[in-house]
N, C-alpha and C. Protein backbone atom coordinates (compact mmCIF):
# COMPACT_ATOMS: atom_id res chain seq x y z
N MET A 1 0.83 -1.33 0.19
CA MET A 1 -0.14 0.00 0.40
C MET A 1 0.77 1.43 -0.23
N LYS A 2 1.59 0.91 1.02
CA LYS A 2 2.50 2.52 1.04
C LYS A 2 3.37 2.77 -0.70
N SER A 3 3.83 1.93 -0.88
CA SER A 3 4.56 1.93 -2.53
C SER A 3 3.54 2.75 -4.12
N ARG A 4 2.44 1.24 -3.54
CA ARG A 4 1.24 1.96 -4.85
C ARG A 4 1.02 3.16 -4.46
N HIS A 5 0.95 4.00 -3.49
CA HIS A 5 0.38 5.19 -3.24
C HIS A 5 1.26 5.94 -2.88
N GLY A 6 1.96 5.84 -3.02
CA GLY A 6 3.49 6.63 -2.58
C GLY A 6 3.75 7.50 -1.20
N LEU A 7 3.08 6.40 -0.43
CA LEU A 7 3.08 6.97 1.14
C LEU A 7 4.49 7.24 2.00
N ASP A 8 4.44 8.11 2.65
CA ASP A 8 5.36 8.50 3.13
C ASP A 8 5.12 8.34 5.36
N GLU A 9 5.18 7.34 5.57
CA GLU A 9 5.17 7.60 6.98
C GLU A 9 5.35 8.60 7.93
N GLN A 10 6.78 9.30 7.93
CA GLN A 10 6.80 10.56 8.54
C GLN A 10 6.30 11.56 8.05
N MET A 11 5.96 11.88 6.70
CA MET A 11 4.68 12.72 6.51
C MET A 11 4.15 12.59 6.93
N ILE A 12 3.73 11.48 7.70
CA ILE A 12 2.08 10.97 7.96
C ILE A 12 1.95 11.61 8.69
N VAL A 13 2.65 10.72 10.02
CA VAL A 13 2.98 11.17 11.59
C VAL A 13 3.27 12.72 11.34
N SER A 14 4.31 13.19 11.16
CA SER A 14 4.36 14.52 11.78
C SER A 14 3.33 15.78 11.03
N ALA A 15 1.97 15.64 9.76
CA ALA A 15 1.77 16.18 9.52
C ALA A 15 0.74 17.34 10.95
N GLY A 16 0.84 18.70 10.48
CA GLY A 16 0.76 19.27 11.24
C GLY A 16 -0.38 20.14 11.66
N THR A 17 -1.09 19.65 10.47
CA THR A 17 -2.51 20.54 9.89
C THR A 17 -3.06 19.67 8.93
N LEU A 18 -4.48 19.40 9.36
CA LEU A 18 -5.05 18.89 8.28
C LEU A 18 -5.08 19.33 6.66
N PRO A 19 -4.87 20.52 5.98
CA PRO A 19 -3.90 20.11 5.05
C PRO A 19 -2.60 19.36 4.85
N ASP A 20 -1.72 19.33 5.43
CA ASP A 20 -0.47 18.78 5.47
C ASP A 20 -1.09 16.93 5.37
N LEU A 21 -1.99 16.55 6.47
CA LEU A 21 -2.74 15.17 6.29
C LEU A 21 -3.00 15.14 4.78
N ASP A 22 -3.70 15.81 4.78
CA ASP A 22 -4.54 15.64 3.41
C ASP A 22 -3.05 15.22 2.14
N GLU A 23 -2.29 16.26 2.13
CA GLU A 23 -1.76 15.81 1.55
C GLU A 23 -0.14 15.07 1.49
N ALA A 24 -0.27 14.32 2.83
CA ALA A 24 1.27 12.91 3.03
C ALA A 24 -0.30 12.06 2.76
N PHE A 25 -1.44 11.91 3.09
CA PHE A 25 -2.14 11.08 2.40
C PHE A 25 -3.16 10.63 2.08
N SER A 26 -4.20 11.41 2.38
CA SER A 26 -5.62 11.59 1.60
C SER A 26 -5.53 11.36 0.26
N ARG A 27 -5.25 12.83 -0.44
CA ARG A 27 -5.08 12.96 -1.44
C ARG A 27 -4.41 11.69 -2.56
N ARG A 28 -3.17 10.65 -1.67
CA ARG A 28 -2.75 9.50 -2.62
C ARG A 28 -3.80 8.90 -2.58
N ILE A 29 -4.18 8.41 -1.54
CA ILE A 29 -5.37 7.21 -1.00
C ILE A 29 -5.86 7.62 -2.22
N TYR A 30 -6.76 8.19 -2.15
CA TYR A 30 -7.76 8.26 -3.35
C TYR A 30 -7.56 9.30 -5.07
N GLY A 31 -6.21 9.27 -4.93
CA GLY A 31 -5.75 9.01 -6.38
C GLY A 31 -5.98 10.67 -6.80
N PHE A 32 -5.72 11.63 -6.26
CA PHE A 32 -6.40 12.98 -6.47
C PHE A 32 -4.61 13.72 -7.01
N GLU A 33 -3.95 14.46 -8.18
CA GLU A 33 -3.02 14.96 -8.21
C GLU A 33 -2.59 15.56 -7.03
N THR A 34 -3.38 17.08 -6.98
CA THR A 34 -2.91 17.40 -5.84
C THR A 34 -4.45 17.91 -4.55
N VAL A 35 -3.69 18.66 -3.86
CA VAL A 35 -4.88 18.67 -2.32
C VAL A 35 -6.11 19.49 -2.43
N THR A 36 -5.52 19.91 -3.78
CA THR A 36 -6.85 21.57 -4.36
C THR A 36 -7.79 20.76 -5.47
N ASP A 37 -7.25 19.51 -5.97
CA ASP A 37 -8.31 18.70 -6.58
C ASP A 37 -9.09 17.79 -5.58
N LEU A 38 -8.62 17.67 -4.45
CA LEU A 38 -9.32 16.56 -3.28
C LEU A 38 -10.23 17.55 -2.92
N TYR A 39 -9.75 19.03 -2.35
CA TYR A 39 -11.14 19.63 -1.74
C TYR A 39 -11.85 20.26 -3.34
N ARG A 40 -11.97 20.00 -4.12
CA ARG A 40 -12.46 20.52 -5.32
C ARG A 40 -13.86 19.35 -5.03
N TRP A 41 -13.06 18.62 -5.63
CA TRP A 41 -14.34 17.19 -5.68
C TRP A 41 -15.04 16.82 -4.54
N SER A 42 -14.06 17.24 -3.09
CA SER A 42 -15.05 17.05 -1.59
C SER A 42 -16.01 18.42 -1.36
N SER A 43 -15.86 19.06 -1.82
CA SER A 43 -16.59 20.54 -1.46
C SER A 43 -18.17 20.66 -1.97
N CYS A 44 -19.13 20.56 -1.40
CA CYS A 44 -20.11 20.85 -1.74
C CYS A 44 -20.34 21.99 -2.67
N ALA A 45 -19.81 22.93 -2.70
CA ALA A 45 -20.27 24.25 -3.63
C ALA A 45 -20.41 23.78 -4.99
N PHE A 46 -20.00 22.73 -5.63
CA PHE A 46 -20.01 22.02 -6.77
C PHE A 46 -21.16 20.83 -6.69
N TYR A 47 -22.10 21.02 -6.18
CA TYR A 47 -23.59 20.35 -5.75
C TYR A 47 -24.47 20.74 -5.95
N LEU A 48 -24.53 21.64 -5.05
CA LEU A 48 -25.54 22.97 -4.29
C LEU A 48 -26.41 22.53 -5.71
N GLU A 49 -26.71 23.12 -6.66
CA GLU A 49 -27.60 23.37 -7.34
C GLU A 49 -27.99 22.31 -7.84
N ASN A 50 -27.68 21.32 -7.43
CA ASN A 50 -28.48 19.80 -7.87
C ASN A 50 -29.50 19.37 -6.99
N LEU A 51 -29.43 20.18 -5.94
CA LEU A 51 -30.41 19.88 -4.69
C LEU A 51 -31.73 19.81 -4.95
N LYS A 52 -32.45 18.66 -4.89
CA LYS A 52 -33.98 18.92 -5.44
C LYS A 52 -34.77 18.62 -3.91
N THR A 53 -34.10 18.07 -2.58
CA THR A 53 -34.84 18.13 -1.92
C THR A 53 -34.93 19.68 -0.26
N PRO A 54 -35.78 19.77 -0.14
CA PRO A 54 -35.76 20.83 0.97
C PRO A 54 -34.46 20.54 2.13
N MET A 55 -33.59 21.27 2.26
CA MET A 55 -32.50 21.01 3.12
C MET A 55 -32.35 22.21 4.44
N ILE A 56 -31.89 21.48 5.50
CA ILE A 56 -31.19 22.54 6.10
C ILE A 56 -30.12 22.40 6.66
N PHE A 57 -28.89 23.52 6.36
CA PHE A 57 -27.15 23.70 6.55
C PHE A 57 -27.44 24.00 7.97
N ILE A 58 -26.84 23.26 9.05
CA ILE A 58 -26.32 23.41 10.12
C ILE A 58 -24.67 23.74 10.23
N ASN A 59 -24.19 25.05 10.50
CA ASN A 59 -22.66 25.10 10.74
C ASN A 59 -22.37 25.59 12.05
N ALA A 60 -21.41 25.54 12.96
CA ALA A 60 -20.65 26.48 14.04
C ALA A 60 -19.95 27.18 13.30
N ARG A 61 -19.49 28.19 13.98
CA ARG A 61 -18.81 28.86 13.39
C ARG A 61 -17.19 28.92 14.06
N ASP A 62 -17.57 27.73 15.02
CA ASP A 62 -16.01 27.28 15.72
C ASP A 62 -15.59 26.24 15.10
N ASP A 63 -16.12 25.72 14.23
CA ASP A 63 -15.74 23.99 13.56
C ASP A 63 -14.53 24.24 12.75
N PRO A 64 -13.83 23.45 13.68
CA PRO A 64 -12.26 23.59 13.11
C PRO A 64 -12.18 23.21 11.39
N ILE A 65 -12.84 22.26 10.90
CA ILE A 65 -12.85 21.54 9.57
C ILE A 65 -13.77 22.40 8.62
N VAL A 66 -14.64 23.15 9.19
CA VAL A 66 -15.16 24.40 7.46
C VAL A 66 -15.06 25.55 8.49
N PRO A 67 -13.78 26.49 8.38
CA PRO A 67 -13.61 27.61 9.14
C PRO A 67 -14.85 28.61 9.03
N GLU A 68 -14.67 29.33 9.91
CA GLU A 68 -15.88 30.67 9.67
C GLU A 68 -15.28 31.51 8.02
N PRO A 69 -14.59 31.94 7.33
CA PRO A 69 -14.60 31.84 6.29
C PRO A 69 -15.02 31.31 5.18
N LEU A 70 -15.27 29.69 5.31
CA LEU A 70 -16.24 29.74 4.03
C LEU A 70 -17.67 29.26 4.19
N LEU A 71 -17.59 30.14 5.15
CA LEU A 71 -19.92 29.80 6.16
C LEU A 71 -20.45 30.95 4.96
N PRO A 72 -20.01 32.03 4.28
CA PRO A 72 -21.06 33.36 3.56
C PRO A 72 -21.16 31.93 2.67
N PHE A 73 -21.07 31.27 2.14
CA PHE A 73 -20.73 30.71 0.53
C PHE A 73 -22.45 30.27 0.42
N ILE A 74 -22.41 29.58 1.95
CA ILE A 74 -23.87 28.82 1.87
C ILE A 74 -24.61 29.38 2.47
N ARG A 75 -24.36 30.52 3.33
CA ARG A 75 -24.85 31.32 3.70
C ARG A 75 -26.09 32.25 2.35
N ASP A 76 -24.85 32.65 1.94
CA ASP A 76 -25.47 33.36 0.45
C ASP A 76 -26.06 32.43 -0.56
N PHE A 77 -26.35 30.97 -0.20
CA PHE A 77 -26.65 30.28 -1.06
C PHE A 77 -28.26 29.79 -0.75
N ALA A 78 -28.08 29.68 0.44
CA ALA A 78 -29.70 29.11 1.80
C ALA A 78 -30.15 30.80 1.47
N SER A 79 -30.12 31.95 1.61
CA SER A 79 -30.77 33.29 1.38
C SER A 79 -31.31 33.43 -0.04
N SER A 80 -31.09 32.58 -1.13
CA SER A 80 -31.04 33.03 -2.70
C SER A 80 -31.95 31.43 -3.18
N HIS A 81 -32.34 30.82 -2.26
CA HIS A 81 -32.57 29.53 -2.55
C HIS A 81 -34.10 29.30 -1.85
N ASP A 82 -34.83 28.68 -2.64
CA ASP A 82 -36.25 28.37 -1.77
C ASP A 82 -35.94 27.13 -1.31
N LYS A 83 -36.83 26.71 -0.16
CA LYS A 83 -36.54 25.50 0.78
C LYS A 83 -35.05 24.91 1.09
N VAL A 84 -34.19 26.31 1.23
CA VAL A 84 -33.05 26.03 2.29
C VAL A 84 -33.04 27.07 3.39
N MET A 85 -32.80 26.72 4.35
CA MET A 85 -32.91 26.89 5.80
C MET A 85 -31.21 26.61 6.37
N TYR A 86 -31.01 28.21 6.16
CA TYR A 86 -29.00 27.78 6.64
C TYR A 86 -29.07 28.40 8.88
N LEU A 87 -28.81 27.53 9.31
CA LEU A 87 -29.08 27.65 10.71
C LEU A 87 -27.37 27.92 11.48
N GLU A 88 -27.22 29.08 11.79
CA GLU A 88 -25.35 29.21 12.26
C GLU A 88 -25.41 29.34 13.52
N LEU A 89 -24.39 28.67 14.32
CA LEU A 89 -24.15 28.59 16.07
C LEU A 89 -22.85 29.59 16.08
N ALA A 90 -23.08 29.80 17.10
CA ALA A 90 -21.46 30.42 17.68
C ALA A 90 -20.39 29.06 17.91
N HIS A 91 -20.80 28.19 18.69
CA HIS A 91 -19.98 27.03 19.44
C HIS A 91 -20.75 25.94 18.83
N GLY A 92 -19.92 24.74 18.68
CA GLY A 92 -20.67 23.19 18.64
C GLY A 92 -19.41 22.92 17.76
N GLY A 93 -18.16 22.88 16.99
CA GLY A 93 -16.95 22.01 16.44
C GLY A 93 -17.45 21.75 15.63
N HIS A 94 -16.91 20.40 15.02
CA HIS A 94 -17.66 19.71 13.80
C HIS A 94 -18.26 18.67 14.35
N LEU A 95 -19.47 18.99 12.98
CA LEU A 95 -20.34 17.33 12.95
C LEU A 95 -21.13 17.09 14.79
N GLY A 96 -21.36 18.47 15.45
CA GLY A 96 -21.62 17.74 16.72
C GLY A 96 -21.34 17.30 17.97
N PHE A 97 -19.91 17.53 17.75
CA PHE A 97 -18.84 16.61 18.50
C PHE A 97 -19.26 17.07 19.94
N TYR A 98 -18.66 15.91 20.54
CA TYR A 98 -19.11 16.38 22.58
C TYR A 98 -18.59 17.31 23.16
N GLU A 99 -19.40 17.78 24.15
CA GLU A 99 -18.56 19.11 24.95
C GLU A 99 -18.32 18.65 26.37
N GLY A 100 -17.80 19.24 26.34
CA GLY A 100 -17.12 19.14 27.88
C GLY A 100 -15.83 18.32 28.15
N GLY A 101 -15.78 17.83 29.51
CA GLY A 101 -14.24 17.07 29.57
C GLY A 101 -14.12 15.64 28.74
N PHE A 102 -12.60 15.43 28.57
CA PHE A 102 -12.32 13.96 27.76
C PHE A 102 -12.91 13.33 28.65
N LEU A 103 -12.60 12.88 29.82
CA LEU A 103 -13.65 11.61 30.34
C LEU A 103 -15.15 11.96 30.76
N TYR A 104 -15.40 13.50 31.22
CA TYR A 104 -16.86 13.40 31.85
C TYR A 104 -17.44 14.06 30.46
N ALA A 105 -17.68 13.90 29.30
CA ALA A 105 -18.53 14.61 28.22
C ALA A 105 -19.64 15.33 28.36
N ASN A 106 -20.69 15.94 28.22
CA ASN A 106 -21.69 16.43 28.51
C ASN A 106 -22.44 15.32 27.25
N PRO A 107 -23.68 14.35 27.80
CA PRO A 107 -24.29 13.79 26.78
C PRO A 107 -24.98 14.77 26.20
N VAL A 108 -25.41 16.01 25.76
CA VAL A 108 -26.44 16.90 25.33
C VAL A 108 -25.57 17.97 24.35
N THR A 109 -25.01 17.63 23.23
CA THR A 109 -24.60 18.41 22.58
C THR A 109 -25.12 19.12 21.86
N TRP A 110 -24.18 20.40 21.35
CA TRP A 110 -24.97 21.76 20.91
C TRP A 110 -25.54 21.08 19.73
N LEU A 111 -25.24 20.16 18.86
CA LEU A 111 -26.47 19.71 17.84
C LEU A 111 -27.59 19.33 18.29
N ASP A 112 -27.83 18.85 19.90
CA ASP A 112 -28.58 18.03 20.21
C ASP A 112 -29.98 19.47 20.69
N ARG A 113 -29.35 20.49 21.39
CA ARG A 113 -30.06 21.52 21.52
C ARG A 113 -30.54 22.44 20.27
N ALA A 114 -29.43 22.75 19.09
CA ALA A 114 -29.78 23.04 18.21
C ALA A 114 -30.51 22.27 17.36
N LEU A 115 -31.09 20.94 17.10
CA LEU A 115 -32.40 20.33 16.38
C LEU A 115 -33.75 20.45 17.48
N VAL A 116 -33.53 20.55 19.09
CA VAL A 116 -34.25 20.77 19.63
C VAL A 116 -35.23 22.23 18.88
N GLY A 117 -34.02 23.10 19.57
CA GLY A 117 -34.85 24.49 18.86
C GLY A 117 -35.25 24.70 17.35
N LEU A 118 -35.04 24.13 16.38
CA LEU A 118 -35.38 24.25 15.52
C LEU A 118 -36.69 23.30 15.34
N VAL A 119 -36.76 22.29 15.91
CA VAL A 119 -37.84 21.31 15.26
C VAL A 119 -39.11 22.42 16.46
N GLY A 120 -38.66 22.56 17.68
CA GLY A 120 -39.61 23.64 18.06
C GLY A 120 -40.11 24.98 17.38
N GLY A 121 -39.12 24.93 16.45
CA GLY A 121 -39.82 26.75 16.36
C GLY A 121 -40.07 26.17 14.66
N LEU A 122 -40.10 24.94 14.29
CA LEU A 122 -41.22 24.54 13.40
C LEU A 122 -42.51 24.11 13.10
N VAL A 123 -42.24 23.55 14.93
CA VAL A 123 -43.71 23.40 15.45
C VAL A 123 -44.75 24.28 15.86
N MET A 124 -44.07 25.29 16.45
CA MET A 124 -44.49 26.60 16.48
C MET A 124 -44.95 26.92 15.55
N SER A 125 -43.98 27.52 14.21
CA SER A 125 -44.78 28.39 12.94
C SER A 125 -45.87 27.40 12.54
N HIS A 126 -45.85 25.93 12.66
CA HIS A 126 -46.85 25.13 11.86
C HIS A 126 -47.99 25.67 12.32
N ASN A 127 -48.19 25.44 14.45
CA ASN A 127 -49.09 25.67 14.86
C ASN A 127 -49.79 27.17 14.84
N LYS A 128 -49.06 28.05 14.94
CA LYS A 128 -49.52 29.72 14.43
C LYS A 128 -49.72 29.71 12.85
N LEU A 129 -49.61 29.20 11.78
CA LEU A 129 -50.60 29.08 10.59
C LEU A 129 -51.41 28.32 10.41
N SER A 130 -51.93 27.24 10.82
CA SER A 130 -52.80 26.27 10.97
C SER A 130 -53.86 26.94 11.36
N PRO A 131 -55.03 26.48 10.67
CA PRO A 131 -56.47 27.14 10.74
C PRO A 131 -56.60 26.62 12.32
N LYS A 132 -57.67 27.09 13.32
CA LYS A 132 -58.07 26.19 14.12
C LYS A 132 -58.99 25.63 14.71
N SER A 133 -59.75 25.38 13.50
CA SER A 133 -60.99 24.65 13.17
C SER A 133 -60.92 23.74 12.64
N GLU A 134 -60.11 24.05 11.75
CA GLU A 134 -59.88 22.82 10.26
C GLU A 134 -58.33 22.23 10.34
N ALA A 135 -57.71 22.25 11.71
CA ALA A 135 -56.36 21.81 11.61
C ALA A 135 -56.18 20.01 10.95
N CYS A 136 -56.93 19.49 11.23
CA CYS A 136 -56.94 18.04 10.56
C CYS A 136 -57.17 17.79 9.30
N SER A 137 -58.04 18.87 8.82
CA SER A 137 -58.88 18.44 7.17
C SER A 137 -57.94 19.17 6.01
N LEU A 138 -56.84 19.83 6.46
CA LEU A 138 -56.28 20.39 5.45
C LEU A 138 -56.08 19.56 4.41
N SER A 139 -55.92 19.55 2.80
CA SER A 139 -54.94 19.11 1.78
C SER A 139 -53.77 19.62 1.73
N GLU A 140 -53.63 19.14 1.21
CA GLU A 140 -51.21 19.14 0.50
C GLU A 140 -51.12 20.37 0.53
N GLU A 141 -51.91 20.56 -0.38
CA GLU A 141 -51.75 22.28 -0.90
C GLU A 141 -52.17 23.30 -0.28
N ASP A 142 -52.83 23.67 0.93
CA ASP A 142 -52.93 24.22 2.23
C ASP A 142 -52.13 24.13 3.24
N GLU A 143 -51.00 22.84 3.08
CA GLU A 143 -50.15 23.24 4.32
C GLU A 143 -49.33 24.10 4.19
N PRO A 144 -48.58 24.73 5.36
CA PRO A 144 -47.87 26.41 4.84
C PRO A 144 -46.60 25.00 4.82
N ASP A 145 -45.91 25.78 3.81
CA ASP A 145 -44.26 25.74 3.27
C ASP A 145 -43.56 25.73 4.79
N LEU A 146 -43.19 25.18 5.63
CA LEU A 146 -42.22 25.39 6.63
C LEU A 146 -40.68 25.64 6.47
N ILE A 147 -40.26 25.11 5.35
CA ILE A 147 -39.04 25.16 5.17
C ILE A 147 -38.83 26.09 3.99
N LYS A 148 -38.38 27.42 4.11
CA LYS A 148 -37.98 28.43 3.09
C LYS A 148 -37.17 29.39 3.07
N THR A 149 -36.85 29.87 2.22
CA THR A 149 -35.66 30.83 2.54
C THR A 149 -35.56 31.44 3.85
N SER A 150 -34.67 31.47 4.50
CA SER A 150 -35.16 32.38 5.62
C SER A 150 -34.26 32.87 6.88
N ALA A 151 -34.26 33.09 7.68
CA ALA A 151 -33.31 33.58 8.67
C ALA A 151 -34.00 32.82 10.00
N PHE A 152 -33.34 32.27 11.00
CA PHE A 152 -33.48 31.93 12.16
C PHE A 152 -33.07 32.13 13.43
N ILE A 153 -33.37 32.67 14.25
CA ILE A 153 -33.17 33.05 15.53
C ILE A 153 -33.15 31.80 16.63
N TYR A 154 -31.97 32.07 16.98
CA TYR A 154 -31.77 30.52 18.15
C TYR A 154 -30.84 31.07 19.35
N THR A 155 -32.07 30.50 20.35
CA THR A 155 -31.44 31.00 21.89
C THR A 155 -30.76 30.26 22.26
N ASP A 156 -29.72 29.86 22.76
CA ASP A 156 -28.57 29.17 22.74
C ASP A 156 -28.58 29.20 24.42
N PRO A 157 -28.44 28.16 25.12
CA PRO A 157 -28.95 28.23 26.04
C PRO A 157 -28.02 28.36 27.58
N LEU A 158 -26.59 27.67 26.88
CA LEU A 158 -25.63 28.06 27.58
C LEU A 158 -25.07 29.75 27.65
N GLU A 159 -25.40 30.15 26.26
CA GLU A 159 -24.96 31.76 26.62
C GLU A 159 -25.78 32.51 26.80
N LYS A 160 -27.12 32.34 26.90
CA LYS A 160 -28.35 32.86 27.34
C LYS A 160 -28.30 34.23 26.21
N LYS A 161 -28.43 34.07 25.29
CA LYS A 161 -28.94 35.31 24.45
C LYS A 161 -28.58 34.54 22.96
N ASN A 162 -30.34 35.51 22.33
CA ASN A 162 -30.35 35.28 21.16
C ASN A 162 -29.58 35.49 20.00
N ILE A 163 -29.57 34.56 19.22
CA ILE A 163 -28.37 34.52 17.91
C ILE A 163 -29.28 34.64 16.64
N LEU A 164 -28.94 36.01 16.34
CA LEU A 164 -29.80 35.65 15.11
C LEU A 164 -28.73 35.10 13.33
N ILE A 165 -29.65 34.26 12.76
CA ILE A 165 -28.95 34.06 11.64
C ILE A 165 -29.98 34.26 10.70
């Protein structure tokens, strides 16, 4: 495997950043000429226009893998496309990683709280928009579209403040 892919163990173990590791290992294993080619292939930026299903993007500004300078692209996409929602939180890391200490992580992550807040907001919006007397007799065309291009205000219980998204 090392010779087939041109891997250098010293480069792999001494990689100090994710791009260094991608240069030493990932791009070689997956057959890309450059790390830029790997990143271009793996970026959602080239596939977003093909979305047909309503989508909710959830990002944290302290994500070490998707840093804050990359977020405006998704914000702009969400604000200009119907049935796309963008939720951005100040904290949360990458993929809803656990919070707290190494040995005693908080079992409730930022992603758990964000999803509860999001679903709660959608339910409240649905209840507010639904006719009171005919709530069960709505046809499919009459149902409110709850995933639209929109901003979302999330109250982070740890920060005790509203975040306008």
